[in-house]
Amino acid sequence: MASVSVIITCFNLERYIGKAIESVLAQDCPVPVEIIVVDDCSTDASAAIIQSHPEVRYVRTPSNSGVLLATLEGIKSSSGELIFFLDGDDLWEPDKLSLCVAAFDQDPGCALVTHDLGFIDQDGEFVERISRPKQVLGPLSVASRGPAVIDAILHHRDYVWLGSALGIRRSRARLDEFAGWATALPDPANTYQDWPLAYWVASLGGATASFLPARLFRYRLHGANHSGDAGTADRAVRNFTRAKNTLLAMKDIAVSRELPGHVQFMLESRANANAYLASLHNVGAIRAFSGFAGSAREFLRKGELAKEVARFTGVLLAGPDRFARWAARRSGGRPQ
């Protein structure tokens, strides 16, 4: 049975990081688990909470550098053949690792494992919400799920969950090469970690994957996570810029791996749409109009043109900041 490393990333999560660590310590995994917590220069009490758990290895980044580079620090410090990732505000179910390790063991060629999830609020109470992974991947046969996961990653589909559901096999991932590539990105501090890593692994020749329909982690919806924290125009710009950078990083992988042209075009189109959305919240609707016109086809393809017309109109009438505050209240912290 392969060795296991868990990498938890944290930045100013004093309210949640202790529970995240405890959810790993409570695992029923049949092999020893190496736990690494990477503190991206938190300024709250996170460091003290992490260091109060002697079972974990505390790693602090040299400077606040974003979740992608923090994840690379964790990978560099890890030794396990199977590497699992946990965001510092999420929680794992006790059988998460045992089931995922078994999935890897059943297929020695498996490079990536993911699974279903549940949702909780900031207080840890369950939130009823549709799970796209279970909705789309759950009904498939066991043999069909793995290819569907690879296809969903390569085509950036919304029914595969990464983040705290992602596990990879070190020997199939060429992680040293990934680290060098990711560090050299134009703006790695403002690039998300999970999609580029999964895209890197999924696009390697012969990569296979596994999907488990069980809800093995709880995704926390709260006002400070990067999915929902867009209550000001500046935060919206940050989120859309990170999404743009992430998609461009994935396109770079697609180009280098010679994936089909329509895949490269799709990633570039989505990156351009996020660039427009960042511009909309930065300079306003009038100055961003050309970006809206250029992205209309992508919004139409995704069935989101009406939503984006409403967003554009809202920013035009209310201004970026007022619209961002209204949208955040309306969404209740859900991703927009």
Protein backbone atom coordinates (compact mmCIF):
# COMPACT_ATOMS: atom_id res chain seq x y z
CA MET A 1 0.00 0.00 0.00
CA ALA A 2 1.39 3.39 -1.04
CA SER A 3 2.56 6.06 1.41
CA VAL A 4 0.27 9.04 1.98
CA SER A 5 0.88 12.78 2.37
CA VAL A 6 -1.78 15.39 3.12
CA ILE A 7 -1.15 19.05 2.28
CA ILE A 8 -3.33 21.67 3.96
CA THR A 9 -3.02 25.31 2.90
CA CYS A 10 -3.96 28.17 5.20
CA PHE A 11 -4.10 31.95 5.16
CA ASN A 12 -5.85 33.72 8.04
CA LEU A 13 -8.20 30.85 8.83
CA GLU A 14 -8.00 30.87 12.63
CA ARG A 15 -11.70 30.06 12.89
CA TYR A 16 -11.46 26.92 10.76
CA ILE A 17 -7.92 25.55 10.50
CA GLY A 18 -8.04 23.58 13.75
CA LYS A 19 -11.15 21.69 12.64
CA ALA A 20 -9.60 20.99 9.25
CA ILE A 21 -6.51 19.45 10.89
CA GLU A 22 -8.65 17.43 13.29
CA SER A 23 -10.63 16.02 10.37
CA VAL A 24 -7.37 14.61 8.98
CA LEU A 25 -6.22 13.30 12.36
CA ALA A 26 -9.56 11.47 12.62
CA GLN A 27 -9.04 9.50 9.39
CA ASP A 28 -9.33 5.70 9.49
CA CYS A 29 -6.56 5.35 6.91
CA PRO A 30 -4.76 1.97 7.21
CA VAL A 31 -1.30 3.50 6.58
CA PRO A 32 0.55 6.29 8.41
CA VAL A 33 -0.34 9.73 7.12
CA GLU A 34 2.16 12.56 6.74
CA ILE A 35 0.35 15.87 7.41
CA ILE A 36 1.87 19.14 6.20
CA VAL A 37 0.20 22.46 6.90
CA VAL A 38 1.46 25.39 4.82
CA ASP A 39 0.84 28.76 6.43
CA ASP A 40 0.96 31.48 3.77
CA CYS A 41 2.12 34.13 6.27
CA SER A 42 -1.13 34.40 8.22
CA THR A 43 -1.47 37.48 10.39
CA ASP A 44 -4.10 36.05 12.74
CA ALA A 45 -3.81 33.18 15.23
CA SER A 46 -3.60 30.47 12.55
CA ALA A 47 0.11 29.74 13.14
CA ALA A 48 -0.39 29.14 16.86
CA ILE A 49 -3.37 26.86 16.21
CA ILE A 50 -1.45 24.83 13.63
CA GLN A 51 1.60 24.50 15.87
CA SER A 52 -0.57 23.31 18.75
CA HIS A 53 -0.94 20.01 16.84
CA PRO A 54 2.39 18.17 17.25
CA GLU A 55 1.30 15.53 14.73
CA VAL A 56 1.59 17.95 11.81
CA ARG A 57 4.57 19.52 10.10
CA TYR A 58 4.33 23.31 10.05
CA VAL A 59 5.66 25.04 6.94
CA ARG A 60 5.57 28.82 6.55
CA THR A 61 6.05 30.47 3.18
CA PRO A 62 8.81 33.11 2.92
CA SER A 63 6.15 35.72 2.03
CA ASN A 64 2.45 35.79 1.32
CA SER A 65 2.49 34.28 -2.15
CA GLY A 66 -0.95 32.83 -2.89
CA VAL A 67 -2.41 29.35 -2.79
CA LEU A 68 -0.60 27.96 -5.86
CA LEU A 69 2.89 28.72 -4.53
CA ALA A 70 1.86 27.64 -1.02
CA THR A 71 0.74 24.31 -2.46
CA LEU A 72 4.10 23.94 -4.20
CA GLU A 73 5.82 24.48 -0.83
CA GLY A 74 3.73 21.66 0.58
CA ILE A 75 4.50 19.34 -2.31
CA LYS A 76 8.21 20.09 -1.96
CA SER A 77 8.04 19.18 1.75
CA SER A 78 6.07 15.97 1.21
CA SER A 79 7.31 12.43 0.69
CA GLY A 80 4.17 10.34 0.07
CA GLU A 81 3.45 8.53 -3.17
CA LEU A 82 -0.22 9.55 -2.85
CA ILE A 83 -0.77 13.25 -2.18
CA PHE A 84 -4.10 14.66 -1.03
CA PHE A 85 -5.05 18.31 -0.71
CA LEU A 86 -7.28 20.05 1.82
CA ASP A 87 -8.22 23.72 1.96
CA GLY A 88 -7.85 25.02 5.49
CA ASP A 89 -11.53 25.91 5.81
CA ASP A 90 -12.96 22.58 4.62
CA LEU A 91 -13.48 19.26 6.43
CA TRP A 92 -12.93 15.63 5.46
CA GLU A 93 -15.19 12.73 6.41
CA PRO A 94 -13.40 10.03 8.50
CA ASP A 95 -13.29 7.49 5.65
CA LYS A 96 -12.05 9.93 2.99
CA LEU A 97 -8.45 8.68 2.86
CA SER A 98 -9.17 4.98 3.26
CA LEU A 99 -11.59 5.00 0.33
CA CYS A 100 -9.37 7.14 -1.89
CA VAL A 101 -6.25 5.08 -1.12
CA ALA A 102 -8.23 1.94 -2.00
CA ALA A 103 -9.25 3.53 -5.32
CA PHE A 104 -5.60 4.21 -6.14
CA ASP A 105 -4.61 0.68 -5.11
CA GLN A 106 -7.24 -0.88 -7.37
CA ASP A 107 -5.64 0.77 -10.42
CA PRO A 108 -1.84 1.12 -10.25
CA GLY A 109 -1.99 3.38 -13.31
CA CYS A 110 -4.48 5.76 -11.73
CA ALA A 111 -2.99 9.27 -11.59
CA LEU A 112 -5.89 11.20 -10.07
CA VAL A 113 -8.82 10.58 -7.72
CA THR A 114 -11.75 12.86 -6.90
CA HIS A 115 -15.16 12.38 -5.31
CA ASP A 116 -18.50 13.90 -4.32
CA LEU A 117 -18.99 16.53 -1.62
CA GLY A 118 -21.46 18.11 0.76
CA PHE A 119 -21.85 21.78 1.67
CA ILE A 120 -21.73 23.48 5.06
CA ASP A 121 -22.11 27.06 6.22
CA GLN A 122 -19.63 29.07 8.28
CA ASP A 123 -20.85 27.39 11.45
CA GLY A 124 -20.49 23.87 10.07
CA GLU A 125 -24.20 23.27 9.51
CA PHE A 126 -25.15 21.34 6.38
CA VAL A 127 -26.53 23.35 3.47
CA GLU A 128 -28.84 21.68 0.97
CA ARG A 129 -27.34 22.24 -2.44
CA ILE A 130 -27.18 20.29 -5.69
CA SER A 131 -23.92 18.42 -6.17
CA ARG A 132 -22.89 18.53 -9.82
CA PRO A 133 -20.38 15.66 -9.47
CA LYS A 134 -23.02 13.29 -8.13
CA GLN A 135 -25.65 14.58 -10.55
CA VAL A 136 -23.52 13.95 -13.65
CA LEU A 137 -20.88 11.37 -12.69
CA GLY A 138 -22.86 9.36 -10.14
CA PRO A 139 -25.24 7.68 -12.62
CA LEU A 140 -22.37 6.50 -14.84
CA SER A 141 -20.99 2.99 -14.65
CA VAL A 142 -17.86 2.55 -12.56
CA ALA A 143 -15.82 1.93 -15.71
CA SER A 144 -17.09 5.15 -17.32
CA ARG A 145 -16.45 7.50 -14.40
CA GLY A 146 -12.67 7.70 -14.72
CA PRO A 147 -12.65 8.65 -18.43
CA ALA A 148 -15.44 11.14 -17.71
CA VAL A 149 -13.29 12.80 -15.02
CA ILE A 150 -10.33 13.14 -17.41
CA ASP A 151 -12.63 14.54 -20.12
CA ALA A 152 -14.23 16.98 -17.66
CA ILE A 153 -10.87 18.32 -16.53
CA LEU A 154 -9.48 18.71 -20.04
CA HIS A 155 -12.66 20.49 -21.17
CA HIS A 156 -13.05 22.52 -17.96
CA ARG A 157 -16.51 21.18 -17.19
CA ASP A 158 -18.33 22.03 -13.97
CA TYR A 159 -19.15 18.51 -12.83
CA VAL A 160 -15.76 17.50 -11.52
CA TRP A 161 -14.72 18.87 -8.11
CA LEU A 162 -11.07 19.41 -7.31
CA GLY A 163 -9.81 21.43 -4.30
CA SER A 164 -10.29 19.38 -1.15
CA ALA A 165 -11.45 16.38 -3.20
CA LEU A 166 -8.24 16.05 -5.23
CA GLY A 167 -5.67 13.31 -4.81
CA ILE A 168 -2.76 12.55 -7.15
CA ARG A 169 -0.12 9.86 -7.56
CA ARG A 170 3.37 11.37 -7.36
CA SER A 171 5.04 8.91 -9.70
CA ARG A 172 2.56 9.73 -12.48
CA ALA A 173 2.55 13.53 -12.07
CA ARG A 174 6.09 14.82 -12.92
CA LEU A 175 5.78 17.22 -10.00
CA ASP A 176 9.28 18.70 -10.21
CA GLU A 177 8.54 19.74 -13.77
CA PHE A 178 5.15 21.10 -12.71
CA ALA A 179 6.73 23.18 -9.95
CA GLY A 180 9.22 24.73 -12.36
CA TRP A 181 6.50 25.52 -14.88
CA ALA A 182 4.09 26.95 -12.28
CA THR A 183 6.73 29.13 -10.63
CA ALA A 184 7.55 30.64 -14.03
CA LEU A 185 3.93 31.65 -14.77
CA PRO A 186 3.43 35.40 -15.35
CA ASP A 187 1.46 35.83 -12.10
CA PRO A 188 1.56 32.64 -9.98
CA ALA A 189 0.53 34.52 -6.82
CA ASN A 190 -2.81 35.25 -8.48
CA THR A 191 -3.43 31.82 -10.00
CA TYR A 192 -5.50 29.06 -8.42
CA GLN A 193 -3.78 25.78 -7.61
CA ASP A 194 -6.16 22.90 -8.20
CA TRP A 195 -7.17 23.26 -11.85
CA PRO A 196 -3.65 23.77 -13.23
CA LEU A 197 -2.36 20.80 -11.21
CA ALA A 198 -5.23 18.55 -12.23
CA TYR A 199 -4.95 19.71 -15.84
CA TRP A 200 -1.23 18.97 -15.79
CA VAL A 201 -1.84 15.43 -14.52
CA ALA A 202 -4.89 14.68 -16.67
CA SER A 203 -3.15 15.78 -19.88
CA LEU A 204 -0.19 13.44 -19.40
CA GLY A 205 -0.28 10.55 -21.82
CA GLY A 206 -2.05 7.47 -20.49
CA ALA A 207 -3.39 9.17 -17.35
CA THR A 208 -6.40 7.48 -15.78
CA ALA A 209 -8.64 8.70 -12.98
CA SER A 210 -11.24 7.51 -10.50
CA PHE A 211 -14.41 9.12 -9.16
CA LEU A 212 -16.02 8.05 -5.89
CA PRO A 213 -19.73 8.97 -5.58
CA ALA A 214 -19.50 9.22 -1.78
CA ARG A 215 -19.60 12.64 -0.08
CA LEU A 216 -16.12 12.55 1.40
CA PHE A 217 -15.61 16.20 2.24
CA ARG A 218 -17.58 19.23 3.35
CA TYR A 219 -17.07 22.42 1.38
CA ARG A 220 -17.54 25.44 3.60
CA LEU A 221 -19.49 28.40 2.23
CA HIS A 222 -18.50 31.58 4.02
CA GLY A 223 -17.80 35.21 3.31
CA ALA A 224 -14.00 34.94 3.31
CA ASN A 225 -13.40 32.03 0.97
CA HIS A 226 -12.26 32.92 -2.51
CA SER A 227 -15.41 31.59 -4.17
CA GLY A 228 -17.79 33.87 -2.34
CA ASP A 229 -15.71 36.83 -1.19
CA ALA A 230 -16.68 39.33 -3.87
CA GLY A 231 -18.51 41.90 -1.80
CA THR A 232 -16.49 44.80 -3.21
CA ALA A 233 -15.39 45.69 -6.71
CA ASP A 234 -11.74 45.15 -5.74
CA ARG A 235 -12.48 41.61 -4.57
CA ALA A 236 -14.46 40.85 -7.69
CA VAL A 237 -11.53 42.06 -9.79
CA ARG A 238 -9.21 39.81 -7.76
CA ASN A 239 -11.42 36.75 -8.24
CA PHE A 240 -11.96 37.24 -11.97
CA THR A 241 -8.27 37.97 -12.50
CA ARG A 242 -7.32 34.75 -10.73
CA ALA A 243 -9.82 32.82 -12.83
CA LYS A 244 -8.37 34.40 -16.00
CA ASN A 245 -4.80 33.55 -14.98
CA THR A 246 -5.81 29.98 -14.13
CA LEU A 247 -7.45 29.45 -17.50
CA LEU A 248 -4.45 30.89 -19.33
CA ALA A 249 -2.17 28.56 -17.36
CA MET A 250 -4.34 25.63 -18.44
CA LYS A 251 -4.22 26.83 -22.03
CA ASP A 252 -0.43 26.89 -21.80
CA ILE A 253 -0.49 23.24 -20.76
CA ALA A 254 -2.93 22.41 -23.56
CA VAL A 255 -0.65 24.04 -26.11
CA SER A 256 2.49 22.33 -24.81
CA ARG A 257 0.75 18.94 -24.77
CA GLU A 258 -0.68 19.55 -28.25
CA LEU A 259 -4.30 19.10 -27.19
CA PRO A 260 -6.92 19.74 -29.91
CA GLY A 261 -7.33 23.28 -31.16
CA HIS A 262 -10.94 23.55 -29.98
CA VAL A 263 -9.79 22.85 -26.40
CA GLN A 264 -7.16 25.60 -26.61
CA PHE A 265 -9.72 27.99 -28.11
CA MET A 266 -12.26 27.20 -25.38
CA LEU A 267 -9.77 27.92 -22.59
CA GLU A 268 -8.67 31.18 -24.22
CA SER A 269 -12.30 32.26 -24.70
CA ARG A 270 -13.09 31.64 -21.06
CA ALA A 271 -9.96 33.47 -20.00
CA ASN A 272 -10.99 36.44 -22.14
CA ALA A 273 -14.47 36.40 -20.59
CA ASN A 274 -12.95 36.58 -17.10
CA ALA A 275 -10.61 39.36 -18.26
CA TYR A 276 -13.70 41.29 -19.37
CA LEU A 277 -15.44 40.66 -16.02
CA ALA A 278 -12.37 41.91 -14.15
CA SER A 279 -12.35 45.01 -16.35
CA LEU A 280 -16.08 45.55 -15.83
CA HIS A 281 -15.62 45.73 -12.05
CA ASN A 282 -12.48 47.84 -12.41
CA VAL A 283 -13.32 50.53 -14.97
CA GLY A 284 -17.11 50.27 -15.27
CA ALA A 285 -19.55 49.20 -17.95
CA ILE A 286 -18.98 51.88 -20.58
CA ARG A 287 -15.22 51.41 -20.78
CA ALA A 288 -15.58 47.60 -20.63
CA PHE A 289 -18.22 47.38 -23.37
CA SER A 290 -15.85 46.11 -26.06
CA GLY A 291 -14.87 43.24 -23.75
CA PHE A 292 -18.53 42.38 -23.25
CA ALA A 293 -19.11 42.33 -27.00
CA GLY A 294 -16.06 40.13 -27.50
CA SER A 295 -17.19 37.68 -24.81
CA ALA A 296 -20.89 37.53 -25.73
CA ARG A 297 -20.41 34.37 -27.82
CA GLU A 298 -18.77 32.56 -24.88
CA PHE A 299 -21.56 33.62 -22.52
CA LEU A 300 -24.14 32.47 -25.07
CA ARG A 301 -22.41 29.12 -25.47
CA LYS A 302 -22.54 28.58 -21.70
CA GLY A 303 -26.18 29.65 -21.50
CA GLU A 304 -25.23 32.67 -19.38
CA LEU A 305 -25.81 35.56 -21.78
CA ALA A 306 -28.92 36.81 -19.95
CA LYS A 307 -27.07 36.69 -16.62
CA GLU A 308 -24.15 38.67 -18.04
CA VAL A 309 -26.44 41.23 -19.70
CA ALA A 310 -28.01 41.73 -16.26
CA ARG A 311 -24.57 42.05 -14.65
CA PHE A 312 -23.45 44.57 -17.28
CA THR A 313 -26.65 46.58 -16.83
CA GLY A 314 -26.33 46.47 -13.05
CA VAL A 315 -22.77 47.81 -13.13
CA LEU A 316 -23.84 50.45 -15.67
CA LEU A 317 -26.66 51.70 -13.43
CA ALA A 318 -25.18 51.23 -9.96
CA GLY A 319 -21.42 51.33 -10.50
CA PRO A 320 -18.96 48.51 -9.75
CA ASP A 321 -18.82 48.81 -5.95
CA ARG A 322 -22.54 49.15 -5.30
CA PHE A 323 -23.34 46.33 -7.71
CA ALA A 324 -20.71 44.03 -6.11
CA ARG A 325 -22.20 44.63 -2.64
CA TRP A 326 -25.70 43.92 -3.91
CA ALA A 327 -24.62 40.76 -5.76
CA ALA A 328 -22.77 39.44 -2.68
CA ARG A 329 -25.85 39.95 -0.47
CA ARG A 330 -28.08 38.30 -3.05
CA SER A 331 -25.84 35.27 -3.49
CA GLY A 332 -25.40 34.62 0.22
CA GLY A 333 -21.71 33.86 -0.34
CA ARG A 334 -22.24 31.46 -3.25
CA PRO A 335 -19.88 31.69 -6.21
CA GLN A 336 -20.95 34.10 -8.92
